[in-house]
Structure formats: C-alpha cells, structure tokens
Amino acid sequence: MPSHLIVIWNFIHFISDSSPETLEAHKIKTAFFTYPTLMEICRRLVTHYFLLTEEELTMWEEDPEGFSKKHVV
C-alpha cells in the first residue's frame, strides 16, 4: 500500500473512544472507505485536479520533495 494511503487508512481506522455512537460511526466509515474506494478517490483527485505539464512531471519525478516545496502552497 502506498504511504499516502497508509496515512489515510490509519486515520479512518482510528477510534478515539468506545461509546456506542463512536463504534457505530467507525463501522460505517470503515465499510465505506475500503482500500479500492480509497484508491479510486485518490486516482480521481490526482488525475482531475493535480494536472501537471510534462516539465512539471519531470521535475516531480526527479525531486518530489523539492517540487512539492516549490509548488504546493
């Protein structure tokens, strides 16, 4: 599983307390946010909203951290 999905997966599966309402909400949340659903959400976000030019893609592939520091606000 890619690291960004691990972070999302861990967030979704975190339970802060064990009240009946929280446990029910957790069941609903985990039933919806399956691994394939998360993959599709991420794919759509990236392909529709994070469009890169060939030059930007090359810069990202060569230095992802440097690219993100320069381009992400």
C-alpha atoms as a PDB file:
ATOM      1  CA  MET A   1       0.000   0.000   0.000  1.00  0.00           C
ATOM      2  CA  PRO A   2       1.484   3.419  -0.936  1.00  0.00           C
ATOM      3  CA  SER A   3       2.480   5.577   2.043  1.00  0.00           C
ATOM      4  CA  HIS A   4      -0.157   8.267   1.416  1.00  0.00           C
ATOM      5  CA  LEU A   5      -2.864   5.602   1.537  1.00  0.00           C
ATOM      6  CA  ILE A   6      -1.425   4.181   4.756  1.00  0.00           C
ATOM      7  CA  VAL A   7      -1.843   7.584   6.402  1.00  0.00           C
ATOM      8  CA  ILE A   8      -5.444   7.833   5.186  1.00  0.00           C
ATOM      9  CA  TRP A   9      -6.137   4.207   6.157  1.00  0.00           C
ATOM     10  CA  ASN A  10      -4.774   4.736   9.678  1.00  0.00           C
ATOM     11  CA  PHE A  11      -6.849   7.911  10.099  1.00  0.00           C
ATOM     12  CA  ILE A  12     -10.020   6.129   9.008  1.00  0.00           C
ATOM     13  CA  HIS A  13      -9.421   3.203  11.347  1.00  0.00           C
ATOM     14  CA  PHE A  14      -8.556   5.301  14.419  1.00  0.00           C
ATOM     15  CA  ILE A  15     -11.125   5.193  17.228  1.00  0.00           C
ATOM     16  CA  SER A  16     -10.841   7.899  19.902  1.00  0.00           C
ATOM     17  CA  ASP A  17     -13.346   6.388  22.338  1.00  0.00           C
ATOM     18  CA  SER A  18     -15.563   3.344  22.651  1.00  0.00           C
ATOM     19  CA  SER A  19     -19.008   4.890  23.046  1.00  0.00           C
ATOM     20  CA  PRO A  20     -21.771   3.116  21.076  1.00  0.00           C
ATOM     21  CA  GLU A  21     -22.165   6.113  18.753  1.00  0.00           C
ATOM     22  CA  THR A  22     -18.438   6.228  18.005  1.00  0.00           C
ATOM     23  CA  LEU A  23     -18.295   2.495  17.351  1.00  0.00           C
ATOM     24  CA  GLU A  24     -21.293   2.702  15.011  1.00  0.00           C
ATOM     25  CA  ALA A  25     -19.747   5.651  13.152  1.00  0.00           C
ATOM     26  CA  HIS A  26     -16.493   3.704  12.882  1.00  0.00           C
ATOM     27  CA  LYS A  27     -18.317   0.702  11.365  1.00  0.00           C
ATOM     28  CA  ILE A  28     -19.996   2.951   8.786  1.00  0.00           C
ATOM     29  CA  LYS A  29     -16.744   4.719   7.981  1.00  0.00           C
ATOM     30  CA  THR A  30     -14.720   1.537   7.541  1.00  0.00           C
ATOM     31  CA  ALA A  31     -17.474  -0.089   5.473  1.00  0.00           C
ATOM     32  CA  PHE A  32     -17.381   2.805   3.019  1.00  0.00           C
ATOM     33  CA  PHE A  33     -13.653   3.607   2.914  1.00  0.00           C
ATOM     34  CA  THR A  34     -12.345   0.285   1.640  1.00  0.00           C
ATOM     35  CA  TYR A  35      -8.926   0.074   0.006  1.00  0.00           C
ATOM     36  CA  PRO A  36     -10.396   0.057  -3.552  1.00  0.00           C
ATOM     37  CA  THR A  37     -12.575   3.078  -2.699  1.00  0.00           C
ATOM     38  CA  LEU A  38      -9.580   4.992  -1.340  1.00  0.00           C
ATOM     39  CA  MET A  39      -7.554   4.108  -4.434  1.00  0.00           C
ATOM     40  CA  GLU A  40     -10.325   5.414  -6.693  1.00  0.00           C
ATOM     41  CA  ILE A  41     -10.779   8.631  -4.695  1.00  0.00           C
ATOM     42  CA  CYS A  42      -7.033   9.307  -4.828  1.00  0.00           C
ATOM     43  CA  ARG A  43      -6.838   8.445  -8.528  1.00  0.00           C
ATOM     44  CA  ARG A  44      -9.668  10.823  -9.381  1.00  0.00           C
ATOM     45  CA  LEU A  45      -8.272  13.637  -7.255  1.00  0.00           C
ATOM     46  CA  VAL A  46      -4.857  13.326  -8.834  1.00  0.00           C
ATOM     47  CA  THR A  47      -5.985  12.883 -12.435  1.00  0.00           C
ATOM     48  CA  HIS A  48      -8.613  15.632 -12.343  1.00  0.00           C
ATOM     49  CA  TYR A  49      -7.180  18.259 -10.003  1.00  0.00           C
ATOM     50  CA  PHE A  50      -3.413  17.834  -9.925  1.00  0.00           C
ATOM     51  CA  LEU A  51      -2.718  18.152 -13.608  1.00  0.00           C
ATOM     52  CA  LEU A  52       0.978  18.563 -14.410  1.00  0.00           C
ATOM     53  CA  THR A  53       2.748  19.650 -17.565  1.00  0.00           C
ATOM     54  CA  GLU A  54       5.488  17.405 -18.960  1.00  0.00           C
ATOM     55  CA  GLU A  55       8.093  19.740 -17.429  1.00  0.00           C
ATOM     56  CA  GLU A  56       6.394  19.669 -14.010  1.00  0.00           C
ATOM     57  CA  LEU A  57       6.052  15.895 -14.155  1.00  0.00           C
ATOM     58  CA  THR A  58       9.766  15.549 -14.930  1.00  0.00           C
ATOM     59  CA  MET A  59      10.630  17.910 -12.061  1.00  0.00           C
ATOM     60  CA  TRP A  60       8.382  15.899  -9.718  1.00  0.00           C
ATOM     61  CA  GLU A  61       9.901  12.589 -10.789  1.00  0.00           C
ATOM     62  CA  GLU A  62      13.447  13.901 -10.314  1.00  0.00           C
ATOM     63  CA  ASP A  63      12.870  15.608  -6.940  1.00  0.00           C
ATOM     64  CA  PRO A  64       9.403  15.042  -5.424  1.00  0.00           C
ATOM     65  CA  GLU A  65      10.200  16.838  -2.151  1.00  0.00           C
ATOM     66  CA  GLY A  66      11.754  19.825  -3.896  1.00  0.00           C
ATOM     67  CA  PHE A  67       8.844  20.013  -6.305  1.00  0.00           C
ATOM     68  CA  SER A  68       6.281  19.934  -3.513  1.00  0.00           C
ATOM     69  CA  LYS A  69       8.090  22.624  -1.523  1.00  0.00           C
ATOM     70  CA  LYS A  70       8.210  24.850  -4.587  1.00  0.00           C
ATOM     71  CA  HIS A  71       4.695  24.245  -5.978  1.00  0.00           C
ATOM     72  CA  VAL A  72       2.420  23.396  -3.061  1.00  0.00           C
ATOM     73  CA  VAL A  73       1.119  26.341  -1.107  1.00  0.00           C
END
